[in-house]
Amino acid sequence: MNHTSRIAAVAASASLALIPAAALAQRSPPPSPEQRIDRLERQVDQLQRQVYPRGRPADTAGFATEPAATQSSVLTLDQRLDAVERQMADLLRQSEENGHRLQSVESGIASLRASDDQRIGALEQRMSQAPVAAPVETPPSAALPPSPNAATRGRPATLPPKSPPSASSDVPAAGAAAAADPGEDAYTAGFHQWESGQYDQAITTLRAFTAAYPRHRRISYANNLIGRALLDKGDARGAAEVLLTNYRSNPRGERAQDSLLYLGQALMKLGQPGQSCKAYAELESVYGAKLRPDLKKPLADGKAQAQCS
């Protein structure tokens, strides 16, 4: 084989070798790793939409028995939690307000109690230290206090005898009052009604007198007589309230001593001998030697009946 033949054979071999390479060059290059990952993600998304049509599952999908919550359910839960938090805040606010109100009420009650105790203590101290006015001498028609056993004799226990004259008279004699004193006339009318046993009418007349003439010199007389009328008609509780008020409001009044005495009798009718003894003891301690002589015997009888020590 000559030189020319050799060259031709090499060229043919080279052309045969270039044919497969050209064919391979015309084919598409292999996909890159990123392309392969994108393809896999698209396939997984398609598969998830088929398996979970209600929404994309959470990261734990495949490990839970139910799919993940949807956005609407999450919003609903958030709204409910907000409502619960607001209600809790309202409850806490109301609880704090109620606690503050309760504290204010308790403070007010404590202040009222302290104020009342101070006022009552000061009043009792003034009553114990105040001098007692001398009894007013009045003409006949005395009203001596009854003994505890007087109620058993047909006539009312507190009905005053017609004689003899005494310093404890509850009704003025004719001419003792001023010539033109309608207050004195009103009190006298009430006294005569009580004297005749018309207790309801006497109470009405005497209360009208005290309302119309609150500064009249017979105020202590009238209030004491109202208490006695209530006691005579059987209202021992009402009598005790009126008699105690008459004594406390005007301990220097002409009938303050009488009110304490009849207060003890009213308390006995209420079945409270211990309280009755306290009333008698206060009568003795407050007035002492200034106690009117006509009250000493009824006082002793009342103490004996109550079995005071």
C-alpha atoms as a PDB file:
ATOM      1  CA  MET A   1       0.000   0.000   0.000  1.00  0.00           C
ATOM      2  CA  ASN A   2       1.376   3.229  -1.030  1.00  0.00           C
ATOM      3  CA  HIS A   3       1.410   6.439   0.803  1.00  0.00           C
ATOM      4  CA  THR A   4      -1.681   7.763  -0.870  1.00  0.00           C
ATOM      5  CA  SER A   5      -3.730   4.746   0.067  1.00  0.00           C
ATOM      6  CA  ARG A   6      -2.757   5.079   3.668  1.00  0.00           C
ATOM      7  CA  ILE A   7      -3.897   8.646   3.876  1.00  0.00           C
ATOM      8  CA  ALA A   8      -7.256   7.726   2.400  1.00  0.00           C
ATOM      9  CA  ALA A   9      -7.767   4.940   4.907  1.00  0.00           C
ATOM     10  CA  VAL A  10      -6.993   7.228   7.867  1.00  0.00           C
ATOM     11  CA  ALA A  11      -9.403   9.834   6.585  1.00  0.00           C
ATOM     12  CA  ALA A  12     -12.154   7.273   6.267  1.00  0.00           C
ATOM     13  CA  SER A  13     -11.549   6.046   9.767  1.00  0.00           C
ATOM     14  CA  ALA A  14     -11.640   9.581  11.088  1.00  0.00           C
ATOM     15  CA  SER A  15     -14.924  10.309   9.345  1.00  0.00           C
ATOM     16  CA  LEU A  16     -16.449   7.176  10.818  1.00  0.00           C
ATOM     17  CA  ALA A  17     -15.318   8.214  14.272  1.00  0.00           C
ATOM     18  CA  LEU A  18     -16.826  11.711  13.968  1.00  0.00           C
ATOM     19  CA  ILE A  19     -20.322  10.509  13.026  1.00  0.00           C
ATOM     20  CA  PRO A  20     -21.329   9.235  16.590  1.00  0.00           C
ATOM     21  CA  ALA A  21     -19.841  12.312  18.241  1.00  0.00           C
ATOM     22  CA  ALA A  22     -21.932  14.621  16.077  1.00  0.00           C
ATOM     23  CA  ALA A  23     -25.031  12.624  16.872  1.00  0.00           C
ATOM     24  CA  LEU A  24     -24.309  12.852  20.578  1.00  0.00           C
ATOM     25  CA  ALA A  25     -23.712  16.629  20.276  1.00  0.00           C
ATOM     26  CA  GLN A  26     -27.223  17.082  18.865  1.00  0.00           C
ATOM     27  CA  ARG A  27     -28.876  15.421  21.983  1.00  0.00           C
ATOM     28  CA  SER A  28     -30.015  17.673  25.052  1.00  0.00           C
ATOM     29  CA  PRO A  29     -27.625  17.931  27.950  1.00  0.00           C
ATOM     30  CA  PRO A  30     -28.517  16.064  31.179  1.00  0.00           C
ATOM     31  CA  PRO A  31     -30.604  18.077  33.777  1.00  0.00           C
ATOM     32  CA  SER A  32     -28.809  19.855  36.529  1.00  0.00           C
ATOM     33  CA  PRO A  33     -29.408  18.991  40.224  1.00  0.00           C
ATOM     34  CA  GLU A  34     -31.533  22.140  40.679  1.00  0.00           C
ATOM     35  CA  GLN A  35     -33.764  21.159  37.802  1.00  0.00           C
ATOM     36  CA  ARG A  36     -34.172  17.699  39.183  1.00  0.00           C
ATOM     37  CA  ILE A  37     -35.142  19.142  42.634  1.00  0.00           C
ATOM     38  CA  ASP A  38     -37.697  21.523  41.062  1.00  0.00           C
ATOM     39  CA  ARG A  39     -39.250  18.621  39.203  1.00  0.00           C
ATOM     40  CA  LEU A  40     -39.492  16.580  42.379  1.00  0.00           C
ATOM     41  CA  GLU A  41     -41.140  19.512  44.307  1.00  0.00           C
ATOM     42  CA  ARG A  42     -43.766  19.947  41.593  1.00  0.00           C
ATOM     43  CA  GLN A  43     -44.569  16.286  41.758  1.00  0.00           C
ATOM     44  CA  VAL A  44     -44.853  16.403  45.568  1.00  0.00           C
ATOM     45  CA  ASP A  45     -47.185  19.455  45.382  1.00  0.00           C
ATOM     46  CA  GLN A  46     -49.422  17.631  42.904  1.00  0.00           C
ATOM     47  CA  LEU A  47     -49.484  14.602  45.159  1.00  0.00           C
ATOM     48  CA  GLN A  48     -50.320  16.711  48.246  1.00  0.00           C
ATOM     49  CA  ARG A  49     -53.201  18.443  46.486  1.00  0.00           C
ATOM     50  CA  GLN A  50     -54.640  15.040  45.674  1.00  0.00           C
ATOM     51  CA  VAL A  51     -54.130  13.601  49.153  1.00  0.00           C
ATOM     52  CA  TYR A  52     -54.972  16.793  51.181  1.00  0.00           C
ATOM     53  CA  PRO A  53     -57.609  18.706  49.245  1.00  0.00           C
ATOM     54  CA  ARG A  54     -58.533  20.865  52.308  1.00  0.00           C
ATOM     55  CA  GLY A  55     -55.171  22.518  52.622  1.00  0.00           C
ATOM     56  CA  ARG A  56     -51.502  21.937  52.852  1.00  0.00           C
ATOM     57  CA  PRO A  57     -50.601  19.845  55.911  1.00  0.00           C
ATOM     58  CA  ALA A  58     -48.262  20.945  58.629  1.00  0.00           C
ATOM     59  CA  ASP A  59     -44.682  19.857  58.848  1.00  0.00           C
ATOM     60  CA  THR A  60     -45.794  16.901  60.917  1.00  0.00           C
ATOM     61  CA  ALA A  61     -48.162  15.645  58.222  1.00  0.00           C
ATOM     62  CA  GLY A  62     -47.901  11.924  58.043  1.00  0.00           C
ATOM     63  CA  PHE A  63     -47.398  11.627  61.807  1.00  0.00           C
ATOM     64  CA  ALA A  64     -50.848  13.008  62.911  1.00  0.00           C
ATOM     65  CA  THR A  65     -54.218  11.365  62.353  1.00  0.00           C
ATOM     66  CA  GLU A  66     -55.861  14.598  61.162  1.00  0.00           C
ATOM     67  CA  PRO A  67     -54.776  17.277  58.716  1.00  0.00           C
ATOM     68  CA  ALA A  68     -53.453  20.608  59.940  1.00  0.00           C
ATOM     69  CA  ALA A  69     -55.938  23.386  60.946  1.00  0.00           C
ATOM     70  CA  THR A  70     -57.113  25.718  58.259  1.00  0.00           C
ATOM     71  CA  GLN A  71     -56.590  29.459  58.385  1.00  0.00           C
ATOM     72  CA  SER A  72     -60.269  30.126  59.183  1.00  0.00           C
ATOM     73  CA  SER A  73     -60.196  27.787  62.202  1.00  0.00           C
ATOM     74  CA  VAL A  74     -57.039  29.476  63.463  1.00  0.00           C
ATOM     75  CA  LEU A  75     -58.694  32.894  63.167  1.00  0.00           C
ATOM     76  CA  THR A  76     -61.750  31.594  65.042  1.00  0.00           C
ATOM     77  CA  LEU A  77     -59.566  30.293  67.872  1.00  0.00           C
ATOM     78  CA  ASP A  78     -57.745  33.635  68.062  1.00  0.00           C
ATOM     79  CA  GLN A  79     -61.043  35.498  68.319  1.00  0.00           C
ATOM     80  CA  ARG A  80     -62.303  33.195  71.054  1.00  0.00           C
ATOM     81  CA  LEU A  81     -59.070  33.579  72.994  1.00  0.00           C
ATOM     82  CA  ASP A  82     -59.349  37.370  72.704  1.00  0.00           C
ATOM     83  CA  ALA A  83     -62.927  37.237  74.018  1.00  0.00           C
ATOM     84  CA  VAL A  84     -61.881  35.054  76.972  1.00  0.00           C
ATOM     85  CA  GLU A  85     -59.031  37.421  77.807  1.00  0.00           C
ATOM     86  CA  ARG A  86     -61.393  40.415  77.726  1.00  0.00           C
ATOM     87  CA  GLN A  87     -63.864  38.646  80.009  1.00  0.00           C
ATOM     88  CA  MET A  88     -61.077  37.769  82.438  1.00  0.00           C
ATOM     89  CA  ALA A  89     -59.934  41.396  82.450  1.00  0.00           C
ATOM     90  CA  ASP A  90     -63.522  42.558  83.148  1.00  0.00           C
ATOM     91  CA  LEU A  91     -63.867  40.050  85.993  1.00  0.00           C
ATOM     92  CA  LEU A  92     -60.593  41.191  87.540  1.00  0.00           C
ATOM     93  CA  ARG A  93     -61.634  44.835  87.245  1.00  0.00           C
ATOM     94  CA  GLN A  94     -65.035  44.177  88.821  1.00  0.00           C
ATOM     95  CA  SER A  95     -63.432  42.165  91.617  1.00  0.00           C
ATOM     96  CA  GLU A  96     -61.035  45.014  92.398  1.00  0.00           C
ATOM     97  CA  GLU A  97     -63.874  47.568  92.323  1.00  0.00           C
ATOM     98  CA  ASN A  98     -66.037  45.424  94.624  1.00  0.00           C
ATOM     99  CA  GLY A  99     -63.125  44.979  97.009  1.00  0.00           C
ATOM    100  CA  HIS A 100     -62.585  48.738  97.093  1.00  0.00           C
ATOM    101  CA  ARG A 101     -66.299  49.383  97.719  1.00  0.00           C
ATOM    102  CA  LEU A 102     -66.374  46.790 100.513  1.00  0.00           C
ATOM    103  CA  GLN A 103     -63.316  48.358 102.106  1.00  0.00           C
ATOM    104  CA  SER A 104     -64.948  51.790 101.916  1.00  0.00           C
ATOM    105  CA  VAL A 105     -68.161  50.482 103.494  1.00  0.00           C
ATOM    106  CA  GLU A 106     -66.248  48.789 106.317  1.00  0.00           C
ATOM    107  CA  SER A 107     -64.271  51.965 106.944  1.00  0.00           C
ATOM    108  CA  GLY A 108     -67.472  54.005 107.027  1.00  0.00           C
ATOM    109  CA  ILE A 109     -69.118  51.616 109.479  1.00  0.00           C
ATOM    110  CA  ALA A 110     -66.054  51.674 111.719  1.00  0.00           C
ATOM    111  CA  SER A 111     -66.036  55.482 111.638  1.00  0.00           C
ATOM    112  CA  LEU A 112     -69.742  55.630 112.476  1.00  0.00           C
ATOM    113  CA  ARG A 113     -69.278  53.229 115.365  1.00  0.00           C
ATOM    114  CA  ALA A 114     -66.374  55.203 116.746  1.00  0.00           C
ATOM    115  CA  SER A 115     -68.296  58.467 116.362  1.00  0.00           C
ATOM    116  CA  ASP A 116     -71.397  57.019 118.029  1.00  0.00           C
ATOM    117  CA  ASP A 117     -69.343  55.603 120.890  1.00  0.00           C
ATOM    118  CA  GLN A 118     -67.686  58.967 121.458  1.00  0.00           C
ATOM    119  CA  ARG A 119     -70.995  60.849 121.349  1.00  0.00           C
ATOM    120  CA  ILE A 120     -72.724  58.393 123.675  1.00  0.00           C
ATOM    121  CA  GLY A 121     -69.762  58.457 126.065  1.00  0.00           C
ATOM    122  CA  ALA A 122     -69.714  62.249 126.095  1.00  0.00           C
ATOM    123  CA  LEU A 123     -73.481  62.373 126.627  1.00  0.00           C
ATOM    124  CA  GLU A 124     -73.331  59.891 129.492  1.00  0.00           C
ATOM    125  CA  GLN A 125     -70.467  61.811 131.061  1.00  0.00           C
ATOM    126  CA  ARG A 126     -72.399  65.079 130.818  1.00  0.00           C
ATOM    127  CA  MET A 127     -75.484  63.446 132.305  1.00  0.00           C
ATOM    128  CA  SER A 128     -73.520  62.007 135.199  1.00  0.00           C
ATOM    129  CA  GLN A 129     -71.789  65.317 135.903  1.00  0.00           C
ATOM    130  CA  ALA A 130     -74.694  67.690 135.247  1.00  0.00           C
ATOM    131  CA  PRO A 131     -76.373  69.185 138.339  1.00  0.00           C
ATOM    132  CA  VAL A 132     -80.027  68.357 138.742  1.00  0.00           C
ATOM    133  CA  ALA A 133     -82.449  71.275 138.825  1.00  0.00           C
ATOM    134  CA  ALA A 134     -84.393  71.731 142.008  1.00  0.00           C
ATOM    135  CA  PRO A 135     -87.983  70.470 141.797  1.00  0.00           C
ATOM    136  CA  VAL A 136     -90.585  73.072 140.959  1.00  0.00           C
ATOM    137  CA  GLU A 137     -93.119  73.620 143.677  1.00  0.00           C
ATOM    138  CA  THR A 138     -96.599  73.365 142.196  1.00  0.00           C
ATOM    139  CA  PRO A 139     -99.995  73.459 143.833  1.00  0.00           C
ATOM    140  CA  PRO A 140    -102.340  70.552 144.541  1.00  0.00           C
ATOM    141  CA  SER A 141    -103.477  67.622 142.407  1.00  0.00           C
ATOM    142  CA  ALA A 142    -100.282  65.620 142.916  1.00  0.00           C
ATOM    143  CA  ALA A 143     -99.363  62.668 140.719  1.00  0.00           C
ATOM    144  CA  LEU A 144     -97.500  60.315 143.008  1.00  0.00           C
ATOM    145  CA  PRO A 145     -95.828  57.362 141.244  1.00  0.00           C
ATOM    146  CA  PRO A 146     -97.700  54.111 141.829  1.00  0.00           C
ATOM    147  CA  SER A 147     -96.339  51.117 143.637  1.00  0.00           C
ATOM    148  CA  PRO A 148     -95.937  47.910 141.600  1.00  0.00           C
ATOM    149  CA  ASN A 149     -99.078  46.420 143.232  1.00  0.00           C
ATOM    150  CA  ALA A 150    -101.323  49.409 142.523  1.00  0.00           C
ATOM    151  CA  ALA A 151    -102.349  48.097 139.101  1.00  0.00           C
ATOM    152  CA  THR A 152    -104.464  45.364 140.723  1.00  0.00           C
ATOM    153  CA  ARG A 153    -106.968  47.831 142.115  1.00  0.00           C
ATOM    154  CA  GLY A 154    -109.557  48.719 139.405  1.00  0.00           C
ATOM    155  CA  ARG A 155    -108.147  52.243 138.916  1.00  0.00           C
ATOM    156  CA  PRO A 156    -105.069  52.725 136.630  1.00  0.00           C
ATOM    157  CA  ALA A 157    -101.742  52.247 138.404  1.00  0.00           C
ATOM    158  CA  THR A 158    -100.541  55.748 137.538  1.00  0.00           C
ATOM    159  CA  LEU A 159    -103.753  57.608 138.332  1.00  0.00           C
ATOM    160  CA  PRO A 160    -102.775  60.486 140.649  1.00  0.00           C
ATOM    161  CA  PRO A 161    -104.652  61.053 143.883  1.00  0.00           C
ATOM    162  CA  LYS A 162    -106.615  64.247 144.289  1.00  0.00           C
ATOM    163  CA  SER A 163    -104.750  65.248 147.469  1.00  0.00           C
ATOM    164  CA  PRO A 164    -102.559  66.152 149.321  1.00  0.00           C
ATOM    165  CA  PRO A 165    -100.329  68.772 147.614  1.00  0.00           C
ATOM    166  CA  SER A 166     -96.939  67.563 146.411  1.00  0.00           C
ATOM    167  CA  ALA A 167     -93.934  68.866 144.490  1.00  0.00           C
ATOM    168  CA  SER A 168     -94.379  66.110 141.903  1.00  0.00           C
ATOM    169  CA  SER A 169     -97.706  67.354 140.511  1.00  0.00           C
ATOM    170  CA  ASP A 170     -98.094  66.737 136.763  1.00  0.00           C
ATOM    171  CA  VAL A 171    -101.008  69.123 136.356  1.00  0.00           C
ATOM    172  CA  PRO A 172    -100.973  72.806 137.278  1.00  0.00           C
ATOM    173  CA  ALA A 173    -103.563  74.120 139.656  1.00  0.00           C
ATOM    174  CA  ALA A 174    -106.009  76.733 138.472  1.00  0.00           C
ATOM    175  CA  GLY A 175    -104.300  80.072 138.382  1.00  0.00           C
ATOM    176  CA  ALA A 176    -100.804  78.594 138.404  1.00  0.00           C
ATOM    177  CA  ALA A 177    -100.444  79.050 134.679  1.00  0.00           C
ATOM    178  CA  ALA A 178    -100.271  82.388 133.020  1.00  0.00           C
ATOM    179  CA  ALA A 179    -103.566  84.017 132.163  1.00  0.00           C
ATOM    180  CA  ALA A 180    -103.124  83.488 128.396  1.00  0.00           C
ATOM    181  CA  ASP A 181    -100.917  80.417 127.836  1.00  0.00           C
ATOM    182  CA  PRO A 182    -102.388  78.103 125.185  1.00  0.00           C
ATOM    183  CA  GLY A 183     -99.494  75.667 125.703  1.00  0.00           C
ATOM    184  CA  GLU A 184    -100.394  75.276 129.360  1.00  0.00           C
ATOM    185  CA  ASP A 185    -104.028  74.743 128.403  1.00  0.00           C
ATOM    186  CA  ALA A 186    -103.065  72.082 125.843  1.00  0.00           C
ATOM    187  CA  TYR A 187    -100.929  70.198 128.378  1.00  0.00           C
ATOM    188  CA  THR A 188    -103.674  70.425 131.020  1.00  0.00           C
ATOM    189  CA  ALA A 189    -106.221  68.990 128.589  1.00  0.00           C
ATOM    190  CA  GLY A 190    -103.930  66.033 127.904  1.00  0.00           C
ATOM    191  CA  PHE A 191    -103.390  65.468 131.613  1.00  0.00           C
ATOM    192  CA  HIS A 192    -107.113  65.360 132.341  1.00  0.00           C
ATOM    193  CA  GLN A 193    -107.638  62.871 129.515  1.00  0.00           C
ATOM    194  CA  TRP A 194    -104.951  60.627 131.001  1.00  0.00           C
ATOM    195  CA  GLU A 195    -106.418  61.084 134.486  1.00  0.00           C
ATOM    196  CA  SER A 196    -109.830  59.905 133.273  1.00  0.00           C
ATOM    197  CA  GLY A 197    -108.327  56.812 131.582  1.00  0.00           C
ATOM    198  CA  GLN A 198    -108.604  58.107 127.987  1.00  0.00           C
ATOM    199  CA  TYR A 199    -105.048  57.067 127.194  1.00  0.00           C
ATOM    200  CA  ASP A 200    -105.167  57.190 123.392  1.00  0.00           C
ATOM    201  CA  GLN A 201    -106.721  60.663 123.394  1.00  0.00           C
ATOM    202  CA  ALA A 202    -104.229  61.816 126.024  1.00  0.00           C
ATOM    203  CA  ILE A 203    -101.284  60.554 123.957  1.00  0.00           C
ATOM    204  CA  THR A 204    -102.583  62.341 120.856  1.00  0.00           C
ATOM    205  CA  THR A 205    -103.167  65.600 122.752  1.00  0.00           C
ATOM    206  CA  LEU A 206     -99.786  65.536 124.502  1.00  0.00           C
ATOM    207  CA  ARG A 207     -97.873  64.733 121.304  1.00  0.00           C
ATOM    208  CA  ALA A 208     -99.609  67.615 119.563  1.00  0.00           C
ATOM    209  CA  PHE A 209     -98.553  69.815 122.484  1.00  0.00           C
ATOM    210  CA  THR A 210     -94.872  68.767 122.245  1.00  0.00           C
ATOM    211  CA  ALA A 211     -94.893  69.365 118.483  1.00  0.00           C
ATOM    212  CA  ALA A 212     -96.483  72.810 118.809  1.00  0.00           C
ATOM    213  CA  TYR A 213     -94.529  73.982 121.875  1.00  0.00           C
ATOM    214  CA  PRO A 214     -91.118  72.241 121.806  1.00  0.00           C
ATOM    215  CA  ARG A 215     -89.592  74.787 124.232  1.00  0.00           C
ATOM    216  CA  HIS A 216     -92.457  74.980 126.693  1.00  0.00           C
ATOM    217  CA  ARG A 217     -91.653  74.462 130.352  1.00  0.00           C
ATOM    218  CA  ARG A 218     -94.038  71.480 130.430  1.00  0.00           C
ATOM    219  CA  ILE A 219     -92.158  69.472 127.766  1.00  0.00           C
ATOM    220  CA  SER A 220     -90.547  67.169 130.336  1.00  0.00           C
ATOM    221  CA  TYR A 221     -93.930  66.709 132.001  1.00  0.00           C
ATOM    222  CA  ALA A 222     -95.672  65.947 128.694  1.00  0.00           C
ATOM    223  CA  ASN A 223     -93.126  63.389 127.442  1.00  0.00           C
ATOM    224  CA  ASN A 224     -93.127  61.625 130.800  1.00  0.00           C
ATOM    225  CA  LEU A 225     -96.940  61.539 130.798  1.00  0.00           C
ATOM    226  CA  ILE A 226     -96.976  60.091 127.258  1.00  0.00           C
ATOM    227  CA  GLY A 227     -94.764  57.259 128.500  1.00  0.00           C
ATOM    228  CA  ARG A 228     -97.003  56.669 131.503  1.00  0.00           C
ATOM    229  CA  ALA A 229    -100.114  56.616 129.279  1.00  0.00           C
ATOM    230  CA  LEU A 230     -98.497  54.016 127.009  1.00  0.00           C
ATOM    231  CA  LEU A 231     -97.561  51.976 130.066  1.00  0.00           C
ATOM    232  CA  ASP A 232    -101.095  52.211 131.440  1.00  0.00           C
ATOM    233  CA  LYS A 233    -102.656  51.039 128.174  1.00  0.00           C
ATOM    234  CA  GLY A 234    -100.339  48.002 128.068  1.00  0.00           C
ATOM    235  CA  ASP A 235     -97.739  49.144 125.517  1.00  0.00           C
ATOM    236  CA  ALA A 236     -94.693  48.558 127.718  1.00  0.00           C
ATOM    237  CA  ARG A 237     -92.209  48.618 124.834  1.00  0.00           C
ATOM    238  CA  GLY A 238     -93.475  51.918 123.455  1.00  0.00           C
ATOM    239  CA  ALA A 239     -93.516  53.348 126.974  1.00  0.00           C
ATOM    240  CA  ALA A 240     -89.898  52.282 127.574  1.00  0.00           C
ATOM    241  CA  GLU A 241     -88.753  54.014 124.367  1.00  0.00           C
ATOM    242  CA  VAL A 242     -90.551  57.283 125.199  1.00  0.00           C
ATOM    243  CA  LEU A 243     -89.413  57.328 128.844  1.00  0.00           C
ATOM    244  CA  LEU A 244     -85.788  56.575 127.963  1.00  0.00           C
ATOM    245  CA  THR A 245     -85.794  59.309 125.307  1.00  0.00           C
ATOM    246  CA  ASN A 246     -87.272  61.831 127.741  1.00  0.00           C
ATOM    247  CA  TYR A 247     -84.548  61.077 130.286  1.00  0.00           C
ATOM    248  CA  ARG A 248     -81.643  61.086 127.838  1.00  0.00           C
ATOM    249  CA  SER A 249     -82.737  64.161 125.892  1.00  0.00           C
ATOM    250  CA  ASN A 250     -83.325  66.259 129.018  1.00  0.00           C
ATOM    251  CA  PRO A 251     -81.721  64.710 132.129  1.00  0.00           C
ATOM    252  CA  ARG A 252     -82.232  67.992 134.011  1.00  0.00           C
ATOM    253  CA  GLY A 253     -85.926  68.130 133.181  1.00  0.00           C
ATOM    254  CA  GLU A 254     -88.506  68.225 135.940  1.00  0.00           C
ATOM    255  CA  ARG A 255     -89.715  64.701 135.132  1.00  0.00           C
ATOM    256  CA  ALA A 256     -86.417  63.034 134.155  1.00  0.00           C
ATOM    257  CA  GLN A 257     -86.310  61.208 137.513  1.00  0.00           C
ATOM    258  CA  ASP A 258     -89.906  59.997 137.041  1.00  0.00           C
ATOM    259  CA  SER A 259     -89.066  58.737 133.532  1.00  0.00           C
ATOM    260  CA  LEU A 260     -86.231  56.587 134.885  1.00  0.00           C
ATOM    261  CA  LEU A 261     -88.499  55.164 137.578  1.00  0.00           C
ATOM    262  CA  TYR A 262     -91.304  54.276 135.149  1.00  0.00           C
ATOM    263  CA  LEU A 263     -88.716  52.974 132.681  1.00  0.00           C
ATOM    264  CA  GLY A 264     -87.780  50.377 135.281  1.00  0.00           C
ATOM    265  CA  GLN A 265     -91.458  49.419 135.651  1.00  0.00           C
ATOM    266  CA  ALA A 266     -91.865  49.128 131.857  1.00  0.00           C
ATOM    267  CA  LEU A 267     -88.816  46.881 131.616  1.00  0.00           C
ATOM    268  CA  MET A 268     -90.248  44.654 134.334  1.00  0.00           C
ATOM    269  CA  LYS A 269     -93.447  44.265 132.292  1.00  0.00           C
ATOM    270  CA  LEU A 270     -91.279  43.289 129.338  1.00  0.00           C
ATOM    271  CA  GLY A 271     -89.738  40.523 131.466  1.00  0.00           C
ATOM    272  CA  GLN A 272     -86.301  42.162 131.771  1.00  0.00           C
ATOM    273  CA  PRO A 273     -85.587  42.477 135.499  1.00  0.00           C
ATOM    274  CA  GLY A 274     -81.858  42.886 134.883  1.00  0.00           C
ATOM    275  CA  GLN A 275     -82.407  45.935 132.681  1.00  0.00           C
ATOM    276  CA  SER A 276     -84.946  47.232 135.177  1.00  0.00           C
ATOM    277  CA  CYS A 277     -82.292  47.094 137.927  1.00  0.00           C
ATOM    278  CA  LYS A 278     -79.922  49.041 135.671  1.00  0.00           C
ATOM    279  CA  ALA A 279     -82.528  51.797 135.274  1.00  0.00           C
ATOM    280  CA  TYR A 280     -83.047  51.957 139.054  1.00  0.00           C
ATOM    281  CA  ALA A 281     -79.287  51.987 139.643  1.00  0.00           C
ATOM    282  CA  GLU A 282     -78.836  54.865 137.216  1.00  0.00           C
ATOM    283  CA  LEU A 283     -81.626  56.769 138.931  1.00  0.00           C
ATOM    284  CA  GLU A 284     -79.775  56.464 142.243  1.00  0.00           C
ATOM    285  CA  SER A 285     -76.297  57.137 140.851  1.00  0.00           C
ATOM    286  CA  VAL A 286     -77.231  60.167 138.741  1.00  0.00           C
ATOM    287  CA  TYR A 287     -79.496  61.941 141.199  1.00  0.00           C
ATOM    288  CA  GLY A 288     -78.293  60.530 144.517  1.00  0.00           C
ATOM    289  CA  ALA A 289     -79.193  62.840 147.389  1.00  0.00           C
ATOM    290  CA  LYS A 290     -81.189  65.038 145.011  1.00  0.00           C
ATOM    291  CA  LEU A 291     -83.704  62.269 144.405  1.00  0.00           C
ATOM    292  CA  ARG A 292     -87.182  63.580 145.221  1.00  0.00           C
ATOM    293  CA  PRO A 293     -88.588  62.132 148.451  1.00  0.00           C
ATOM    294  CA  ASP A 294     -91.853  61.064 146.812  1.00  0.00           C
ATOM    295  CA  LEU A 295     -89.881  58.737 144.485  1.00  0.00           C
ATOM    296  CA  LYS A 296     -87.900  56.903 147.162  1.00  0.00           C
ATOM    297  CA  LYS A 297     -90.605  54.460 148.218  1.00  0.00           C
ATOM    298  CA  PRO A 298     -91.682  53.512 144.640  1.00  0.00           C
ATOM    299  CA  LEU A 299     -87.990  53.051 143.856  1.00  0.00           C
ATOM    300  CA  ALA A 300     -87.499  50.704 146.786  1.00  0.00           C
ATOM    301  CA  ASP A 301     -90.629  48.742 145.845  1.00  0.00           C
ATOM    302  CA  GLY A 302     -89.456  48.460 142.226  1.00  0.00           C
ATOM    303  CA  LYS A 303     -86.021  47.211 143.271  1.00  0.00           C
ATOM    304  CA  ALA A 304     -87.593  44.626 145.537  1.00  0.00           C
ATOM    305  CA  GLN A 305     -89.894  43.421 142.777  1.00  0.00           C
ATOM    306  CA  ALA A 306     -86.962  43.106 140.333  1.00  0.00           C
ATOM    307  CA  GLN A 307     -84.844  41.471 143.073  1.00  0.00           C
ATOM    308  CA  CYS A 308     -82.024  43.935 142.497  1.00  0.00           C
ATOM    309  CA  SER A 309     -78.910  43.265 144.549  1.00  0.00           C
END
